[in-house]
Amino acid sequence: MEKDKLIELGQCSKPHGIKGAFSFHLTNVVDSVLQKGTKIFIFPKTGASCVSSAGEEVEISKISFGNKVIAELKGVSDRNKVESMLPFTIHIGREEFPDTDEDEVYLSDLLECDVYEYETDQKVGSVYRYYESPAHVVLSIRGSKSFEVPFVEKFVPEIDIENRKIWVVIPRVI
């Protein structure tokens, strides 16, 4: 599967123990879609990884969530193999995500949505990334001018995910 059609869930750069486990660093540990039997795609982060640059599909044989996310992958049973695979990024197909409630969206679904100014209904750009600040998620919008808005109802009052449109209140500097 092509990397640009997958959702990045995190990365792995550390082994765990001596029996072939990995210490995953996930962007969302609380609502992770990963579980035993989940097939993930891994891609090397650097040339130090033996993972194919085209990516590899692997299956999670065991995963536990706690202070750390510890995972075992099918066919990997020793620390030497783990270390040779590091570092890599972890991806999954969007179709593997559970359905959302009516008033919920996945942040990854907001990428490349057209963005309109709420007051004027004028297109101002599209979402090109998001990140989590200590207070909340922030959407980065690229258009004739690039800007960011907190992903809260006051600044993002309307979303039409079916038509890939978002309306925002653009922050004004006084």
N, C-alpha and C. Protein backbone atom coordinates (compact mmCIF):
# COMPACT_ATOMS: atom_id res chain seq x y z
N MET A 1 0.85 -1.18 0.00
CA MET A 1 0.00 0.00 0.00
C MET A 1 0.89 1.24 0.00
N GLU A 2 0.45 2.29 -0.67
CA GLU A 2 1.23 3.52 -0.77
C GLU A 2 1.16 4.30 0.53
N LYS A 3 2.32 4.81 0.96
CA LYS A 3 2.43 5.52 2.23
C LYS A 3 1.48 6.71 2.33
N ASP A 4 1.29 7.44 1.22
CA ASP A 4 0.44 8.63 1.27
C ASP A 4 -1.05 8.31 1.40
N LYS A 5 -1.41 7.03 1.29
CA LYS A 5 -2.82 6.64 1.46
C LYS A 5 -3.06 6.04 2.85
N LEU A 6 -2.04 6.09 3.69
CA LEU A 6 -2.12 5.54 5.04
C LEU A 6 -2.10 6.66 6.07
N ILE A 7 -2.56 6.34 7.28
CA ILE A 7 -2.57 7.28 8.39
C ILE A 7 -1.41 6.91 9.32
N GLU A 8 -0.55 7.89 9.60
CA GLU A 8 0.56 7.63 10.52
C GLU A 8 0.04 7.68 11.96
N LEU A 9 0.33 6.62 12.72
CA LEU A 9 -0.12 6.53 14.10
C LEU A 9 0.98 6.85 15.11
N GLY A 10 2.22 6.78 14.66
CA GLY A 10 3.33 7.02 15.58
C GLY A 10 4.61 6.47 15.01
N GLN A 11 5.52 6.15 15.94
CA GLN A 11 6.82 5.66 15.53
C GLN A 11 7.39 4.70 16.57
N CYS A 12 8.47 4.07 16.20
CA CYS A 12 9.17 3.19 17.13
C CYS A 12 10.66 3.42 16.93
N SER A 13 11.35 3.70 18.01
CA SER A 13 12.80 3.88 17.93
C SER A 13 13.53 3.16 19.05
N LYS A 14 12.77 2.39 19.87
CA LYS A 14 13.39 1.68 20.99
C LYS A 14 12.87 0.25 21.09
N PRO A 15 13.76 -0.66 21.41
CA PRO A 15 13.31 -2.03 21.71
C PRO A 15 12.79 -2.07 23.15
N HIS A 16 12.14 -3.16 23.50
CA HIS A 16 11.71 -3.37 24.88
C HIS A 16 12.10 -4.78 25.28
N GLY A 17 12.98 -4.91 26.23
CA GLY A 17 13.39 -6.22 26.72
C GLY A 17 14.28 -6.96 25.73
N ILE A 18 14.43 -8.27 25.97
CA ILE A 18 15.33 -9.08 25.13
C ILE A 18 14.61 -10.12 24.28
N LYS A 19 13.29 -10.17 24.37
CA LYS A 19 12.54 -11.23 23.68
C LYS A 19 11.86 -10.76 22.39
N GLY A 20 12.22 -9.59 21.89
CA GLY A 20 11.68 -9.18 20.60
C GLY A 20 10.49 -8.25 20.66
N ALA A 21 10.37 -7.46 21.72
CA ALA A 21 9.26 -6.50 21.82
C ALA A 21 9.73 -5.10 21.43
N PHE A 22 8.77 -4.29 21.05
CA PHE A 22 9.02 -2.92 20.63
C PHE A 22 8.34 -1.96 21.60
N SER A 23 8.91 -0.78 21.77
CA SER A 23 8.29 0.29 22.55
C SER A 23 7.75 1.31 21.55
N PHE A 24 6.44 1.28 21.33
CA PHE A 24 5.80 2.18 20.37
C PHE A 24 5.55 3.54 21.02
N HIS A 25 5.74 4.60 20.26
CA HIS A 25 5.37 5.95 20.69
C HIS A 25 4.24 6.38 19.76
N LEU A 26 3.00 6.31 20.26
CA LEU A 26 1.81 6.61 19.45
C LEU A 26 1.33 8.03 19.70
N THR A 27 0.77 8.65 18.66
CA THR A 27 0.23 10.00 18.82
C THR A 27 -1.07 9.99 19.62
N ASN A 28 -1.80 8.88 19.62
CA ASN A 28 -3.03 8.78 20.38
C ASN A 28 -3.07 7.42 21.08
N VAL A 29 -2.69 7.41 22.33
CA VAL A 29 -2.67 6.17 23.10
C VAL A 29 -4.05 5.85 23.66
N VAL A 30 -4.82 6.89 24.01
CA VAL A 30 -6.10 6.71 24.68
C VAL A 30 -7.11 5.98 23.80
N ASP A 31 -7.21 6.39 22.54
CA ASP A 31 -8.20 5.80 21.64
C ASP A 31 -7.54 5.03 20.50
N SER A 32 -6.47 4.34 20.80
CA SER A 32 -5.73 3.65 19.74
C SER A 32 -6.57 2.56 19.08
N VAL A 33 -6.41 2.43 17.77
CA VAL A 33 -7.10 1.38 17.02
C VAL A 33 -6.28 0.10 16.96
N LEU A 34 -5.08 0.14 17.53
CA LEU A 34 -4.21 -1.03 17.49
C LEU A 34 -4.62 -2.07 18.52
N GLN A 35 -4.58 -3.32 18.11
CA GLN A 35 -4.88 -4.44 18.99
C GLN A 35 -4.22 -5.70 18.42
N LYS A 36 -4.28 -6.78 19.16
CA LYS A 36 -3.74 -8.05 18.69
C LYS A 36 -4.42 -8.41 17.37
N GLY A 37 -3.61 -8.78 16.38
CA GLY A 37 -4.14 -9.16 15.08
C GLY A 37 -4.22 -8.03 14.07
N THR A 38 -4.04 -6.78 14.53
CA THR A 38 -4.08 -5.64 13.61
C THR A 38 -2.88 -5.69 12.67
N LYS A 39 -3.13 -5.49 11.40
CA LYS A 39 -2.05 -5.41 10.43
C LYS A 39 -1.69 -3.94 10.24
N ILE A 40 -0.41 -3.67 10.42
CA ILE A 40 0.09 -2.30 10.29
C ILE A 40 1.14 -2.27 9.19
N PHE A 41 1.41 -1.08 8.72
CA PHE A 41 2.48 -0.88 7.74
C PHE A 41 3.57 -0.08 8.42
N ILE A 42 4.81 -0.52 8.27
CA ILE A 42 5.93 0.20 8.85
C ILE A 42 6.85 0.69 7.73
N PHE A 43 7.42 1.88 7.94
CA PHE A 43 8.33 2.49 6.98
C PHE A 43 9.55 2.97 7.74
N PRO A 44 10.75 2.83 7.16
CA PRO A 44 11.96 3.26 7.87
C PRO A 44 11.99 4.77 8.07
N LYS A 45 12.49 5.19 9.24
CA LYS A 45 12.67 6.63 9.48
C LYS A 45 14.04 7.09 9.00
N THR A 46 15.01 6.19 9.04
CA THR A 46 16.37 6.51 8.60
C THR A 46 16.94 5.31 7.84
N GLY A 47 18.11 5.51 7.28
CA GLY A 47 18.79 4.43 6.57
C GLY A 47 19.30 3.34 7.49
N ALA A 48 19.28 3.56 8.81
CA ALA A 48 19.73 2.56 9.77
C ALA A 48 18.76 1.38 9.87
N SER A 49 17.52 1.59 9.47
CA SER A 49 16.49 0.56 9.56
C SER A 49 16.61 -0.43 8.40
N CYS A 50 16.43 -1.72 8.69
CA CYS A 50 16.44 -2.74 7.64
C CYS A 50 15.06 -2.87 6.97
N VAL A 51 14.08 -2.11 7.44
CA VAL A 51 12.75 -2.14 6.85
C VAL A 51 12.83 -1.57 5.43
N SER A 52 12.17 -2.23 4.50
CA SER A 52 12.18 -1.79 3.10
C SER A 52 11.68 -0.36 2.97
N SER A 53 12.31 0.43 2.12
CA SER A 53 11.87 1.81 1.92
C SER A 53 10.47 1.87 1.32
N ALA A 54 10.02 0.78 0.69
CA ALA A 54 8.66 0.70 0.16
C ALA A 54 7.65 0.38 1.25
N GLY A 55 8.13 0.06 2.45
CA GLY A 55 7.27 -0.28 3.56
C GLY A 55 7.02 -1.77 3.65
N GLU A 56 6.62 -2.22 4.81
CA GLU A 56 6.31 -3.63 5.04
C GLU A 56 5.04 -3.74 5.87
N GLU A 57 4.23 -4.73 5.53
CA GLU A 57 3.03 -5.01 6.32
C GLU A 57 3.39 -6.06 7.36
N VAL A 58 3.08 -5.77 8.62
CA VAL A 58 3.35 -6.70 9.73
C VAL A 58 2.10 -6.81 10.59
N GLU A 59 2.02 -7.89 11.35
CA GLU A 59 0.86 -8.11 12.20
C GLU A 59 1.25 -8.03 13.66
N ILE A 60 0.44 -7.34 14.45
CA ILE A 60 0.68 -7.25 15.89
C ILE A 60 0.24 -8.57 16.53
N SER A 61 1.17 -9.24 17.20
CA SER A 61 0.83 -10.50 17.87
C SER A 61 0.48 -10.27 19.34
N LYS A 62 0.92 -9.13 19.90
CA LYS A 62 0.61 -8.80 21.29
C LYS A 62 0.85 -7.31 21.47
N ILE A 63 -0.03 -6.66 22.23
CA ILE A 63 0.15 -5.24 22.52
C ILE A 63 -0.43 -4.93 23.89
N SER A 64 0.27 -4.08 24.64
CA SER A 64 -0.25 -3.67 25.94
C SER A 64 -0.03 -2.17 26.10
N PHE A 65 -1.03 -1.54 26.71
CA PHE A 65 -1.02 -0.10 26.92
C PHE A 65 -0.85 0.16 28.41
N GLY A 66 0.03 1.04 28.76
CA GLY A 66 0.27 1.42 30.15
C GLY A 66 1.13 2.65 30.14
N ASN A 67 2.16 2.68 30.99
CA ASN A 67 3.10 3.81 30.95
C ASN A 67 3.77 3.88 29.59
N LYS A 68 3.95 2.72 28.97
CA LYS A 68 4.50 2.61 27.62
C LYS A 68 3.58 1.73 26.82
N VAL A 69 3.66 1.85 25.50
CA VAL A 69 2.94 0.92 24.63
C VAL A 69 3.97 -0.10 24.18
N ILE A 70 3.78 -1.33 24.62
CA ILE A 70 4.71 -2.41 24.29
C ILE A 70 4.00 -3.34 23.30
N ALA A 71 4.67 -3.60 22.17
CA ALA A 71 4.07 -4.43 21.14
C ALA A 71 5.04 -5.51 20.68
N GLU A 72 4.48 -6.63 20.30
CA GLU A 72 5.24 -7.70 19.66
C GLU A 72 4.66 -7.90 18.28
N LEU A 73 5.55 -8.15 17.30
CA LEU A 73 5.13 -8.35 15.93
C LEU A 73 5.36 -9.79 15.52
N LYS A 74 4.42 -10.33 14.77
CA LYS A 74 4.50 -11.71 14.31
C LYS A 74 5.80 -11.92 13.53
N GLY A 75 6.54 -12.97 13.89
CA GLY A 75 7.78 -13.30 13.20
C GLY A 75 9.02 -12.63 13.76
N VAL A 76 8.87 -11.77 14.76
CA VAL A 76 10.02 -11.11 15.38
C VAL A 76 10.13 -11.64 16.80
N SER A 77 11.24 -12.37 17.09
CA SER A 77 11.31 -13.02 18.40
C SER A 77 12.62 -12.76 19.15
N ASP A 78 13.45 -11.84 18.65
CA ASP A 78 14.65 -11.53 19.43
C ASP A 78 15.04 -10.07 19.28
N ARG A 79 15.79 -9.59 20.26
CA ARG A 79 16.17 -8.18 20.31
C ARG A 79 17.02 -7.76 19.11
N ASN A 80 17.87 -8.66 18.61
CA ASN A 80 18.71 -8.31 17.47
C ASN A 80 17.86 -7.93 16.26
N LYS A 81 16.82 -8.68 15.99
CA LYS A 81 15.92 -8.38 14.87
C LYS A 81 15.22 -7.04 15.11
N VAL A 82 14.76 -6.82 16.34
CA VAL A 82 14.10 -5.56 16.69
C VAL A 82 15.04 -4.39 16.41
N GLU A 83 16.27 -4.48 16.91
CA GLU A 83 17.22 -3.39 16.74
C GLU A 83 17.53 -3.13 15.27
N SER A 84 17.56 -4.17 14.46
CA SER A 84 17.86 -3.99 13.03
C SER A 84 16.71 -3.27 12.31
N MET A 85 15.50 -3.39 12.83
CA MET A 85 14.33 -2.76 12.20
C MET A 85 14.18 -1.28 12.58
N LEU A 86 14.78 -0.86 13.65
CA LEU A 86 14.61 0.50 14.17
C LEU A 86 15.43 1.51 13.41
N PRO A 87 14.98 2.76 13.34
CA PRO A 87 13.67 3.30 13.71
C PRO A 87 12.70 3.21 12.53
N PHE A 88 11.40 3.17 12.86
CA PHE A 88 10.38 3.13 11.81
C PHE A 88 9.13 3.86 12.24
N THR A 89 8.33 4.23 11.25
CA THR A 89 7.04 4.86 11.54
C THR A 89 5.94 3.81 11.38
N ILE A 90 4.84 4.02 12.08
CA ILE A 90 3.73 3.06 12.13
C ILE A 90 2.52 3.67 11.43
N HIS A 91 1.96 2.92 10.48
CA HIS A 91 0.82 3.42 9.69
C HIS A 91 -0.27 2.36 9.63
N ILE A 92 -1.47 2.83 9.31
CA ILE A 92 -2.62 1.93 9.16
C ILE A 92 -3.55 2.51 8.09
N GLY A 93 -4.29 1.66 7.45
CA GLY A 93 -5.27 2.13 6.48
C GLY A 93 -6.44 2.80 7.16
N ARG A 94 -6.96 3.86 6.59
CA ARG A 94 -8.09 4.60 7.18
C ARG A 94 -9.31 3.71 7.37
N GLU A 95 -9.48 2.72 6.50
CA GLU A 95 -10.64 1.82 6.59
C GLU A 95 -10.62 0.98 7.86
N GLU A 96 -9.50 0.92 8.55
CA GLU A 96 -9.40 0.17 9.81
C GLU A 96 -9.94 0.93 11.00
N PHE A 97 -10.20 2.22 10.86
CA PHE A 97 -10.72 3.02 11.96
C PHE A 97 -12.18 2.68 12.20
N PRO A 98 -12.62 2.65 13.45
CA PRO A 98 -14.05 2.44 13.71
C PRO A 98 -14.87 3.65 13.25
N ASP A 99 -16.15 3.43 13.00
CA ASP A 99 -17.04 4.53 12.61
C ASP A 99 -17.13 5.54 13.75
N THR A 100 -17.34 6.79 13.38
CA THR A 100 -17.47 7.85 14.38
C THR A 100 -18.95 8.11 14.66
N ASP A 101 -19.20 8.76 15.79
CA ASP A 101 -20.54 9.24 16.07
C ASP A 101 -20.83 10.42 15.15
N GLU A 102 -22.08 10.83 15.08
CA GLU A 102 -22.50 11.88 14.16
C GLU A 102 -21.74 13.20 14.37
N ASP A 103 -21.43 13.54 15.62
CA ASP A 103 -20.77 14.81 15.91
C ASP A 103 -19.26 14.68 16.08
N GLU A 104 -18.67 13.57 15.62
CA GLU A 104 -17.24 13.34 15.75
C GLU A 104 -16.58 13.24 14.38
N VAL A 105 -15.29 13.58 14.35
CA VAL A 105 -14.48 13.40 13.14
C VAL A 105 -13.10 12.93 13.57
N TYR A 106 -12.44 12.24 12.68
CA TYR A 106 -11.03 11.92 12.88
C TYR A 106 -10.22 13.09 12.35
N LEU A 107 -9.21 13.50 13.11
CA LEU A 107 -8.38 14.61 12.67
C LEU A 107 -7.77 14.34 11.30
N SER A 108 -7.39 13.12 11.04
CA SER A 108 -6.78 12.79 9.75
C SER A 108 -7.76 13.05 8.60
N ASP A 109 -9.07 12.99 8.87
CA ASP A 109 -10.06 13.26 7.82
C ASP A 109 -10.15 14.75 7.47
N LEU A 110 -9.59 15.60 8.32
CA LEU A 110 -9.63 17.04 8.06
C LEU A 110 -8.53 17.48 7.10
N LEU A 111 -7.51 16.66 6.94
CA LEU A 111 -6.41 17.01 6.04
C LEU A 111 -6.93 17.18 4.62
N GLU A 112 -6.50 18.26 3.99
CA GLU A 112 -6.85 18.61 2.62
C GLU A 112 -8.30 19.06 2.45
N CYS A 113 -9.04 19.23 3.54
CA CYS A 113 -10.39 19.80 3.43
C CYS A 113 -10.26 21.28 3.07
N ASP A 114 -11.19 21.76 2.25
CA ASP A 114 -11.24 23.19 1.92
C ASP A 114 -11.72 23.95 3.14
N VAL A 115 -11.12 25.13 3.35
CA VAL A 115 -11.44 25.95 4.51
C VAL A 115 -12.06 27.26 4.03
N TYR A 116 -13.19 27.62 4.66
CA TYR A 116 -13.92 28.84 4.32
C TYR A 116 -14.02 29.72 5.55
N GLU A 117 -13.96 31.04 5.32
CA GLU A 117 -14.16 31.98 6.43
C GLU A 117 -15.64 31.94 6.80
N TYR A 118 -15.93 31.77 8.06
CA TYR A 118 -17.29 31.58 8.54
C TYR A 118 -18.19 32.77 8.22
N GLU A 119 -17.69 33.98 8.41
CA GLU A 119 -18.51 35.19 8.24
C GLU A 119 -18.79 35.52 6.77
N THR A 120 -17.83 35.26 5.88
CA THR A 120 -17.97 35.68 4.48
C THR A 120 -18.22 34.52 3.52
N ASP A 121 -18.00 33.29 3.98
CA ASP A 121 -18.13 32.09 3.16
C ASP A 121 -17.13 32.08 1.99
N GLN A 122 -16.04 32.82 2.12
CA GLN A 122 -14.99 32.86 1.11
C GLN A 122 -13.96 31.76 1.40
N LYS A 123 -13.54 31.05 0.38
CA LYS A 123 -12.51 30.02 0.55
C LYS A 123 -11.19 30.71 0.88
N VAL A 124 -10.54 30.22 1.95
CA VAL A 124 -9.28 30.83 2.39
C VAL A 124 -8.10 29.86 2.32
N GLY A 125 -8.35 28.60 1.98
CA GLY A 125 -7.26 27.64 1.89
C GLY A 125 -7.72 26.23 2.16
N SER A 126 -6.77 25.42 2.64
CA SER A 126 -7.08 24.04 3.00
C SER A 126 -6.21 23.62 4.18
N VAL A 127 -6.66 22.62 4.90
CA VAL A 127 -5.92 22.11 6.05
C VAL A 127 -4.76 21.27 5.53
N TYR A 128 -3.54 21.62 5.94
CA TYR A 128 -2.39 20.84 5.49
C TYR A 128 -1.72 20.07 6.61
N ARG A 129 -2.04 20.38 7.86
CA ARG A 129 -1.54 19.59 8.98
C ARG A 129 -2.30 19.96 10.24
N TYR A 130 -2.07 19.19 11.27
CA TYR A 130 -2.60 19.49 12.60
C TYR A 130 -1.57 19.03 13.61
N TYR A 131 -1.63 19.59 14.78
CA TYR A 131 -0.74 19.16 15.86
C TYR A 131 -1.42 19.43 17.18
N GLU A 132 -0.92 18.78 18.20
CA GLU A 132 -1.51 18.94 19.52
C GLU A 132 -0.65 19.87 20.35
N SER A 133 -1.24 20.96 20.80
CA SER A 133 -0.55 21.87 21.73
C SER A 133 -0.95 21.42 23.14
N PRO A 134 -0.34 21.99 24.16
CA PRO A 134 -0.73 21.59 25.52
C PRO A 134 -2.20 21.85 25.83
N ALA A 135 -2.81 22.82 25.15
CA ALA A 135 -4.20 23.17 25.44
C ALA A 135 -5.21 22.43 24.57
N HIS A 136 -4.89 22.23 23.27
CA HIS A 136 -5.84 21.64 22.34
C HIS A 136 -5.16 21.36 21.01
N VAL A 137 -5.89 20.77 20.10
CA VAL A 137 -5.39 20.53 18.75
C VAL A 137 -5.44 21.83 17.97
N VAL A 138 -4.46 22.04 17.11
CA VAL A 138 -4.38 23.23 16.27
C VAL A 138 -4.38 22.79 14.81
N LEU A 139 -5.22 23.44 14.00
CA LEU A 139 -5.25 23.18 12.56
C LEU A 139 -4.40 24.22 11.85
N SER A 140 -3.55 23.77 10.93
CA SER A 140 -2.74 24.68 10.11
C SER A 140 -3.39 24.75 8.74
N ILE A 141 -3.65 26.00 8.31
CA ILE A 141 -4.33 26.22 7.03
C ILE A 141 -3.37 26.94 6.09
N ARG A 142 -3.31 26.43 4.86
CA ARG A 142 -2.47 27.04 3.84
C ARG A 142 -3.35 27.56 2.73
N GLY A 143 -3.15 28.83 2.37
CA GLY A 143 -3.88 29.47 1.29
C GLY A 143 -3.07 30.64 0.81
N SER A 144 -3.71 31.74 0.41
CA SER A 144 -2.95 32.93 0.03
C SER A 144 -2.15 33.43 1.21
N LYS A 145 -2.67 33.21 2.41
CA LYS A 145 -1.94 33.45 3.66
C LYS A 145 -2.08 32.19 4.51
N SER A 146 -1.03 31.78 5.16
CA SER A 146 -1.10 30.63 6.05
C SER A 146 -1.43 31.12 7.46
N PHE A 147 -2.23 30.35 8.17
CA PHE A 147 -2.58 30.69 9.54
C PHE A 147 -2.99 29.42 10.27
N GLU A 148 -3.14 29.55 11.57
CA GLU A 148 -3.54 28.42 12.40
C GLU A 148 -4.74 28.81 13.25
N VAL A 149 -5.58 27.81 13.53
CA VAL A 149 -6.72 28.04 14.41
C VAL A 149 -6.81 26.89 15.41
N PRO A 150 -7.18 27.20 16.63
CA PRO A 150 -7.43 26.13 17.60
C PRO A 150 -8.65 25.31 17.13
N PHE A 151 -8.57 24.02 17.26
CA PHE A 151 -9.68 23.16 16.85
C PHE A 151 -10.69 23.08 17.99
N VAL A 152 -11.39 24.21 18.19
CA VAL A 152 -12.45 24.33 19.19
C VAL A 152 -13.64 24.99 18.50
N GLU A 153 -14.81 24.81 19.02
CA GLU A 153 -16.03 25.28 18.35
C GLU A 153 -16.04 26.79 18.09
N LYS A 154 -15.43 27.57 18.96
CA LYS A 154 -15.39 29.02 18.76
C LYS A 154 -14.67 29.39 17.46
N PHE A 155 -13.65 28.64 17.09
CA PHE A 155 -12.88 28.93 15.88
C PHE A 155 -13.23 28.02 14.70
N VAL A 156 -13.82 26.87 14.98
CA VAL A 156 -14.24 25.95 13.91
C VAL A 156 -15.70 25.58 14.18
N PRO A 157 -16.61 26.52 13.82
CA PRO A 157 -18.01 26.32 14.17
C PRO A 157 -18.75 25.31 13.29
N GLU A 158 -18.21 25.00 12.10
CA GLU A 158 -18.95 24.11 11.22
C GLU A 158 -18.01 23.24 10.41
N ILE A 159 -18.38 21.96 10.30
CA ILE A 159 -17.60 20.99 9.51
C ILE A 159 -18.59 20.18 8.68
N ASP A 160 -18.30 20.07 7.39
CA ASP A 160 -19.07 19.21 6.49
C ASP A 160 -18.08 18.20 5.92
N ILE A 161 -17.89 17.12 6.66
CA ILE A 161 -16.86 16.15 6.29
C ILE A 161 -17.19 15.43 4.99
N GLU A 162 -18.47 15.21 4.71
CA GLU A 162 -18.86 14.55 3.45
C GLU A 162 -18.41 15.33 2.23
N ASN A 163 -18.54 16.66 2.30
CA ASN A 163 -18.15 17.52 1.18
C ASN A 163 -16.75 18.10 1.35
N ARG A 164 -16.05 17.68 2.43
CA ARG A 164 -14.67 18.08 2.68
C ARG A 164 -14.52 19.60 2.82
N LYS A 165 -15.44 20.20 3.62
CA LYS A 165 -15.43 21.64 3.84
C LYS A 165 -15.44 21.94 5.34
N ILE A 166 -14.70 22.97 5.70
CA ILE A 166 -14.62 23.43 7.09
C ILE A 166 -14.78 24.95 7.08
N TRP A 167 -15.54 25.48 8.03
CA TRP A 167 -15.69 26.92 8.18
C TRP A 167 -14.98 27.32 9.46
N VAL A 168 -14.17 28.38 9.36
CA VAL A 168 -13.39 28.83 10.52
C VAL A 168 -13.61 30.32 10.76
N VAL A 169 -13.45 30.69 12.01
CA VAL A 169 -13.38 32.10 12.40
C VAL A 169 -11.89 32.42 12.47
N ILE A 170 -11.45 33.28 11.57
CA ILE A 170 -10.02 33.59 11.51
C ILE A 170 -9.64 34.51 12.66
N PRO A 171 -8.63 34.11 13.45
CA PRO A 171 -8.20 34.95 14.56
C PRO A 171 -7.69 36.29 14.05
N ARG A 172 -8.10 37.37 14.67
CA ARG A 172 -7.67 38.72 14.30
C ARG A 172 -6.73 39.25 15.38
N VAL A 173 -5.65 39.88 14.93
CA VAL A 173 -4.72 40.51 15.86
C VAL A 173 -5.14 41.96 16.00
N ILE A 174 -5.31 42.40 17.25
CA ILE A 174 -5.77 43.77 17.49
C ILE A 174 -4.59 44.68 17.72
